[in-house]
């Protein structure tokens, strides 16, 4: 039996029974359900297909629920995608009802205005677009920025502010609802997005106790400098870690990411618990 397990994310292109059967036969051990997308009905249909595939193959696989977490995203862009060039001036609004245009985009977290500072950077879509903050427009609660590189920005893309402690909750109401749904359908693992401190994990443990499902394992996703700094306290209350290289590689200098990844894996392995490495794995697929 191989000690290294393969976690496969199921999405619209891999939801039918035949495809899931092929994935199991190819060696998938755990299927990840990404609750950043889709509703409970969609996930339940996918879960039922996994159980059907288990019957066909005679193999049992694990089910991992990946929470959306308290993340920040852009709103919808009016024309779908916006093309930016180095030097473009862009305003970032905190009004999540605004559809983005070339000159003004919006984010889903109004507190970003207060959390960031002039001279800092706001990164979009795992760092594909970098905007430097030149000014804070107090009257309109908008950030005045300059684009640092050429690129395209789509709708509902992730937003990062490197080096900034974001005042978002550890788990959201949506996360709680999703976790309860997952527990009702006997998931095995929870990948907890954007965990920054031990209390975030304890809040999830309270939900497991509420459902008498304490056997479900929690794997916090370390995706920020704050999570890296507090990893020792997080490891004391969890079942392992997930090294989420996508957001982490944006939040910290990317040249440091391999060293941080190695350190997190070593610390987790020293405790005899499991560790996952995720994002940019088989990216060509």
Protein backbone atom coordinates (compact mmCIF):
# COMPACT_ATOMS: atom_id res chain seq x y z
CA UNK A 1 0.00 0.00 0.00
CA UNK A 2 1.42 3.37 -0.97
CA UNK A 3 1.94 5.77 1.92
CA UNK A 4 1.45 8.86 -0.21
CA UNK A 5 -2.23 9.35 -1.03
CA UNK A 6 -3.77 11.19 -3.97
CA UNK A 7 -6.53 13.73 -3.41
CA UNK A 8 -8.50 14.52 -6.56
CA UNK A 9 -10.81 17.51 -6.88
CA UNK A 10 -14.14 16.79 -8.53
CA UNK A 11 -15.66 19.48 -10.72
CA UNK A 12 -18.15 19.83 -13.58
CA UNK A 13 -15.84 17.98 -15.98
CA UNK A 14 -15.34 15.01 -13.65
CA UNK A 15 -18.72 14.50 -11.97
CA UNK A 16 -20.20 11.58 -13.91
CA UNK A 17 -19.95 8.03 -12.61
CA UNK A 18 -17.80 6.74 -15.48
CA UNK A 19 -15.15 9.42 -14.97
CA UNK A 20 -15.11 8.89 -11.20
CA UNK A 21 -14.69 5.14 -11.74
CA UNK A 22 -11.66 5.84 -13.96
CA UNK A 23 -10.20 8.17 -11.33
CA UNK A 24 -10.55 5.53 -8.62
CA UNK A 25 -8.98 2.87 -10.84
CA UNK A 26 -6.13 5.29 -11.64
CA UNK A 27 -5.32 5.60 -7.94
CA UNK A 28 -7.39 8.42 -6.43
CA UNK A 29 -7.76 7.84 -2.69
CA UNK A 30 -9.77 10.90 -1.63
CA UNK A 31 -12.18 13.12 -3.54
CA UNK A 32 -12.20 16.82 -2.69
CA UNK A 33 -15.43 18.78 -2.90
CA UNK A 34 -14.74 22.48 -3.34
CA UNK A 35 -17.49 24.42 -1.55
CA UNK A 36 -16.25 27.71 -2.97
CA UNK A 37 -18.42 26.73 -5.93
CA UNK A 38 -21.78 25.04 -6.36
CA UNK A 39 -24.73 24.55 -4.02
CA UNK A 40 -25.65 21.67 -1.72
CA UNK A 41 -27.84 20.01 -4.35
CA UNK A 42 -24.97 19.95 -6.84
CA UNK A 43 -22.52 18.54 -4.29
CA UNK A 44 -25.02 15.89 -3.16
CA UNK A 45 -25.45 14.68 -6.74
CA UNK A 46 -21.68 14.43 -7.10
CA UNK A 47 -21.40 12.60 -3.77
CA UNK A 48 -24.03 10.06 -4.83
CA UNK A 49 -22.02 9.44 -8.01
CA UNK A 50 -18.92 8.76 -5.91
CA UNK A 51 -20.82 6.17 -3.87
CA UNK A 52 -22.06 4.55 -7.09
CA UNK A 53 -18.48 4.43 -8.40
CA UNK A 54 -17.37 2.81 -5.13
CA UNK A 55 -19.90 0.02 -5.69
CA UNK A 56 -18.70 -0.51 -9.26
CA UNK A 57 -14.99 -0.63 -8.34
CA UNK A 58 -15.38 -2.36 -4.99
CA UNK A 59 -13.09 0.28 -3.49
CA UNK A 60 -13.74 2.80 -0.73
CA UNK A 61 -12.51 6.38 -1.04
CA UNK A 62 -12.42 9.29 1.36
CA UNK A 63 -14.54 12.42 1.04
CA UNK A 64 -12.96 15.81 1.76
CA UNK A 65 -15.01 18.98 2.16
CA UNK A 66 -12.98 22.09 1.34
CA UNK A 67 -14.55 25.20 2.85
CA UNK A 68 -14.86 28.49 1.01
CA UNK A 69 -13.43 30.32 4.00
CA UNK A 70 -13.43 34.02 4.72
CA UNK A 71 -11.83 34.92 1.44
CA UNK A 72 -11.87 38.16 -0.53
CA UNK A 73 -12.84 38.17 -4.20
CA UNK A 74 -13.48 40.67 -6.94
CA UNK A 75 -17.05 41.26 -8.02
CA UNK A 76 -18.26 40.43 -11.53
CA UNK A 77 -16.47 42.31 -14.30
CA UNK A 78 -18.96 44.04 -16.60
CA UNK A 79 -17.36 42.70 -19.79
CA UNK A 80 -16.21 39.37 -18.36
CA UNK A 81 -12.49 40.14 -18.42
CA UNK A 82 -10.45 43.32 -18.19
CA UNK A 83 -7.08 43.73 -19.90
CA UNK A 84 -4.53 45.74 -17.92
CA UNK A 85 -1.19 47.21 -18.91
CA UNK A 86 1.66 48.26 -16.64
CA UNK A 87 1.04 51.80 -15.43
CA UNK A 88 -2.76 51.76 -15.73
CA UNK A 89 -4.57 53.65 -12.97
CA UNK A 90 -7.36 51.71 -11.26
CA UNK A 91 -9.68 52.47 -8.37
CA UNK A 92 -10.68 49.64 -6.04
CA UNK A 93 -14.14 50.13 -4.54
CA UNK A 94 -15.46 48.47 -1.37
CA UNK A 95 -19.02 48.45 -2.80
CA UNK A 96 -19.73 44.84 -3.76
CA UNK A 97 -22.74 45.88 -5.87
CA UNK A 98 -20.44 47.47 -8.46
CA UNK A 99 -19.57 45.63 -11.67
CA UNK A 100 -15.93 46.09 -12.58
CA UNK A 101 -14.70 48.24 -15.45
CA UNK A 102 -11.21 49.11 -16.64
CA UNK A 103 -11.06 52.19 -14.40
CA UNK A 104 -12.84 50.84 -11.32
CA UNK A 105 -13.20 47.36 -9.89
CA UNK A 106 -14.74 46.24 -6.59
CA UNK A 107 -14.07 43.64 -3.90
CA UNK A 108 -16.35 41.66 -1.59
CA UNK A 109 -14.72 42.76 1.69
CA UNK A 110 -15.33 46.41 2.69
CA UNK A 111 -12.78 46.19 5.50
CA UNK A 112 -9.95 45.93 2.99
CA UNK A 113 -9.86 49.74 2.84
CA UNK A 114 -8.97 49.98 6.53
CA UNK A 115 -6.64 46.97 6.62
CA UNK A 116 -4.22 48.03 3.86
CA UNK A 117 -1.87 51.01 3.68
CA UNK A 118 -0.42 53.34 1.06
CA UNK A 119 2.64 51.77 -0.55
CA UNK A 120 1.27 48.27 -0.09
CA UNK A 121 0.06 45.96 -2.83
CA UNK A 122 -3.22 44.26 -3.69
CA UNK A 123 -2.84 41.08 -5.74
CA UNK A 124 -5.51 39.38 -7.82
CA UNK A 125 -5.99 35.83 -9.14
CA UNK A 126 -3.06 34.23 -7.28
CA UNK A 127 -0.83 37.20 -8.07
CA UNK A 128 -1.45 37.40 -11.82
CA UNK A 129 -2.32 41.09 -11.44
CA UNK A 130 -0.43 43.36 -9.00
CA UNK A 131 -1.74 46.81 -8.07
CA UNK A 132 0.27 49.18 -5.87
CA UNK A 133 -1.71 51.46 -3.55
CA UNK A 134 -0.89 55.12 -4.27
CA UNK A 135 -3.64 56.79 -2.30
CA UNK A 136 -6.65 56.12 -0.05
CA UNK A 137 -9.75 58.11 -1.06
CA UNK A 138 -11.48 58.50 2.30
CA UNK A 139 -14.58 60.23 0.91
CA UNK A 140 -15.41 57.38 -1.46
CA UNK A 141 -13.72 54.54 0.46
CA UNK A 142 -11.69 53.67 -2.61
CA UNK A 143 -8.07 52.68 -3.12
CA UNK A 144 -6.25 54.51 -5.91
CA UNK A 145 -3.72 52.13 -7.46
CA UNK A 146 -1.24 51.66 -10.28
CA UNK A 147 -1.05 48.35 -12.17
CA UNK A 148 2.42 46.79 -11.94
CA UNK A 149 2.22 44.23 -14.76
CA UNK A 150 0.33 43.27 -17.90
CA UNK A 151 -2.50 40.78 -17.54
CA UNK A 152 -6.18 39.89 -17.67
CA UNK A 153 -8.54 40.09 -14.68
CA UNK A 154 -11.72 38.03 -14.69
CA UNK A 155 -14.79 37.93 -12.45
CA UNK A 156 -14.81 36.71 -8.85
CA UNK A 157 -11.04 36.25 -8.65
CA UNK A 158 -9.18 35.89 -5.37
CA UNK A 159 -7.74 38.98 -3.71
CA UNK A 160 -4.64 39.06 -1.48
CA UNK A 161 -2.91 41.81 0.46
CA UNK A 162 0.59 40.47 1.27
CA UNK A 163 1.86 41.19 4.76
CA UNK A 164 -1.49 42.48 5.97
CA UNK A 165 -3.53 40.92 8.80
CA UNK A 166 -7.06 40.79 7.41
CA UNK A 167 -9.83 41.15 9.99
CA UNK A 168 -12.07 38.38 8.68
CA UNK A 169 -13.71 35.63 10.78
CA UNK A 170 -12.09 32.20 10.98
CA UNK A 171 -15.18 30.44 9.65
CA UNK A 172 -18.19 32.11 8.08
CA UNK A 173 -21.90 31.31 8.34
CA UNK A 174 -21.64 29.67 4.92
CA UNK A 175 -18.76 27.50 6.15
CA UNK A 176 -20.81 26.39 9.17
CA UNK A 177 -23.78 25.54 6.96
CA UNK A 178 -21.58 23.65 4.49
CA UNK A 179 -19.82 21.70 7.24
CA UNK A 180 -23.14 20.69 8.82
CA UNK A 181 -24.34 19.55 5.39
CA UNK A 182 -21.17 17.54 4.90
CA UNK A 183 -21.42 15.92 8.31
CA UNK A 184 -25.01 14.91 7.58
CA UNK A 185 -23.64 13.06 4.55
CA UNK A 186 -20.72 11.43 6.38
CA UNK A 187 -17.66 13.21 5.04
CA UNK A 188 -14.27 12.05 6.31
CA UNK A 189 -12.10 15.16 6.14
CA UNK A 190 -12.45 18.94 6.30
CA UNK A 191 -9.91 21.16 4.54
CA UNK A 192 -10.36 24.46 6.36
CA UNK A 193 -9.50 27.45 4.18
CA UNK A 194 -7.57 30.50 5.37
CA UNK A 195 -6.92 29.26 8.92
CA UNK A 196 -4.86 31.86 10.78
CA UNK A 197 -4.96 30.69 14.41
CA UNK A 198 -5.84 27.75 16.65
CA UNK A 199 -9.27 29.13 17.53
CA UNK A 200 -10.33 28.80 13.88
CA UNK A 201 -9.84 25.03 14.19
CA UNK A 202 -11.55 24.87 17.58
CA UNK A 203 -14.61 26.58 16.09
CA UNK A 204 -14.86 23.76 13.56
CA UNK A 205 -14.33 21.15 16.27
CA UNK A 206 -17.38 22.59 18.05
CA UNK A 207 -19.46 21.80 14.96
CA UNK A 208 -18.15 18.22 14.95
CA UNK A 209 -19.13 17.83 18.61
CA UNK A 210 -22.56 19.28 17.87
CA UNK A 211 -23.11 16.50 15.31
CA UNK A 212 -21.28 13.83 17.36
CA UNK A 213 -18.83 13.43 14.47
CA UNK A 214 -15.52 13.95 16.29
CA UNK A 215 -13.87 11.26 14.14
CA UNK A 216 -13.89 13.59 11.12
CA UNK A 217 -10.36 14.94 10.62
CA UNK A 218 -9.59 18.64 10.19
CA UNK A 219 -6.76 19.83 7.96
CA UNK A 220 -6.20 23.60 8.17
CA UNK A 221 -4.97 25.21 4.95
CA UNK A 222 -1.97 27.42 5.69
CA UNK A 223 -2.35 30.25 3.18
CA UNK A 224 -1.04 33.41 4.85
CA UNK A 225 1.92 34.79 6.78
CA UNK A 226 -0.25 34.88 9.89
CA UNK A 227 -1.01 31.17 9.52
CA UNK A 228 2.69 30.42 9.03
CA UNK A 229 3.60 32.43 12.13
CA UNK A 230 1.04 30.57 14.27
CA UNK A 231 1.47 27.10 12.80
CA UNK A 232 2.82 25.64 16.06
CA UNK A 233 -0.34 26.54 17.99
CA UNK A 234 -2.49 25.35 15.07
CA UNK A 235 -0.73 21.97 15.02
CA UNK A 236 -1.63 21.43 18.68
CA UNK A 237 -5.37 21.32 17.91
CA UNK A 238 -5.55 19.75 14.46
CA UNK A 239 -5.17 16.40 12.69
CA UNK A 240 -2.60 17.61 10.17
CA UNK A 241 -2.03 20.40 7.67
CA UNK A 242 -2.62 21.33 4.07
CA UNK A 243 0.12 23.44 2.51
CA UNK A 244 -1.92 25.60 0.12
CA UNK A 245 0.76 26.91 -2.20
CA UNK A 246 -1.51 29.07 -4.36
CA UNK A 247 -2.48 31.75 -1.86
CA UNK A 248 0.60 31.19 0.30
CA UNK A 249 2.86 31.85 -2.68
CA UNK A 250 1.12 35.19 -3.13
CA UNK A 251 1.07 36.20 0.53
CA UNK A 252 4.80 35.63 1.03
CA UNK A 253 7.75 36.21 -1.34
CA UNK A 254 7.42 33.36 -3.85
CA UNK A 255 11.11 32.49 -3.55
CA UNK A 256 10.48 31.66 0.11
CA UNK A 257 7.54 29.35 -0.63
CA UNK A 258 9.57 26.12 -1.19
CA UNK A 259 11.43 26.61 2.09
CA UNK A 260 8.23 27.35 4.03
CA UNK A 261 6.58 24.33 2.42
CA UNK A 262 9.47 22.09 3.53
CA UNK A 263 9.34 23.51 7.06
CA UNK A 264 5.57 22.97 7.38
CA UNK A 265 5.86 19.40 6.10
CA UNK A 266 8.70 18.67 8.55
CA UNK A 267 6.84 20.10 11.55
CA UNK A 268 3.71 18.13 10.73
CA UNK A 269 5.58 14.88 10.04
CA UNK A 270 7.46 15.22 13.33
CA UNK A 271 4.12 15.00 15.12
CA UNK A 272 3.16 11.87 13.19
CA UNK A 273 0.20 13.51 11.49
CA UNK A 274 -0.74 13.82 7.83
CA UNK A 275 0.22 16.70 5.57
CA UNK A 276 -1.12 17.58 2.11
CA UNK A 277 0.60 19.71 -0.49
CA UNK A 278 -1.85 21.40 -2.84
CA UNK A 279 -2.17 23.85 -5.74
CA UNK A 280 -0.05 23.86 -8.90
CA UNK A 281 -0.01 20.06 -8.75
CA UNK A 282 -0.57 18.70 -12.27
CA UNK A 283 -1.44 22.25 -13.29
CA UNK A 284 -1.26 21.29 -16.97
CA UNK A 285 -4.44 19.23 -16.51
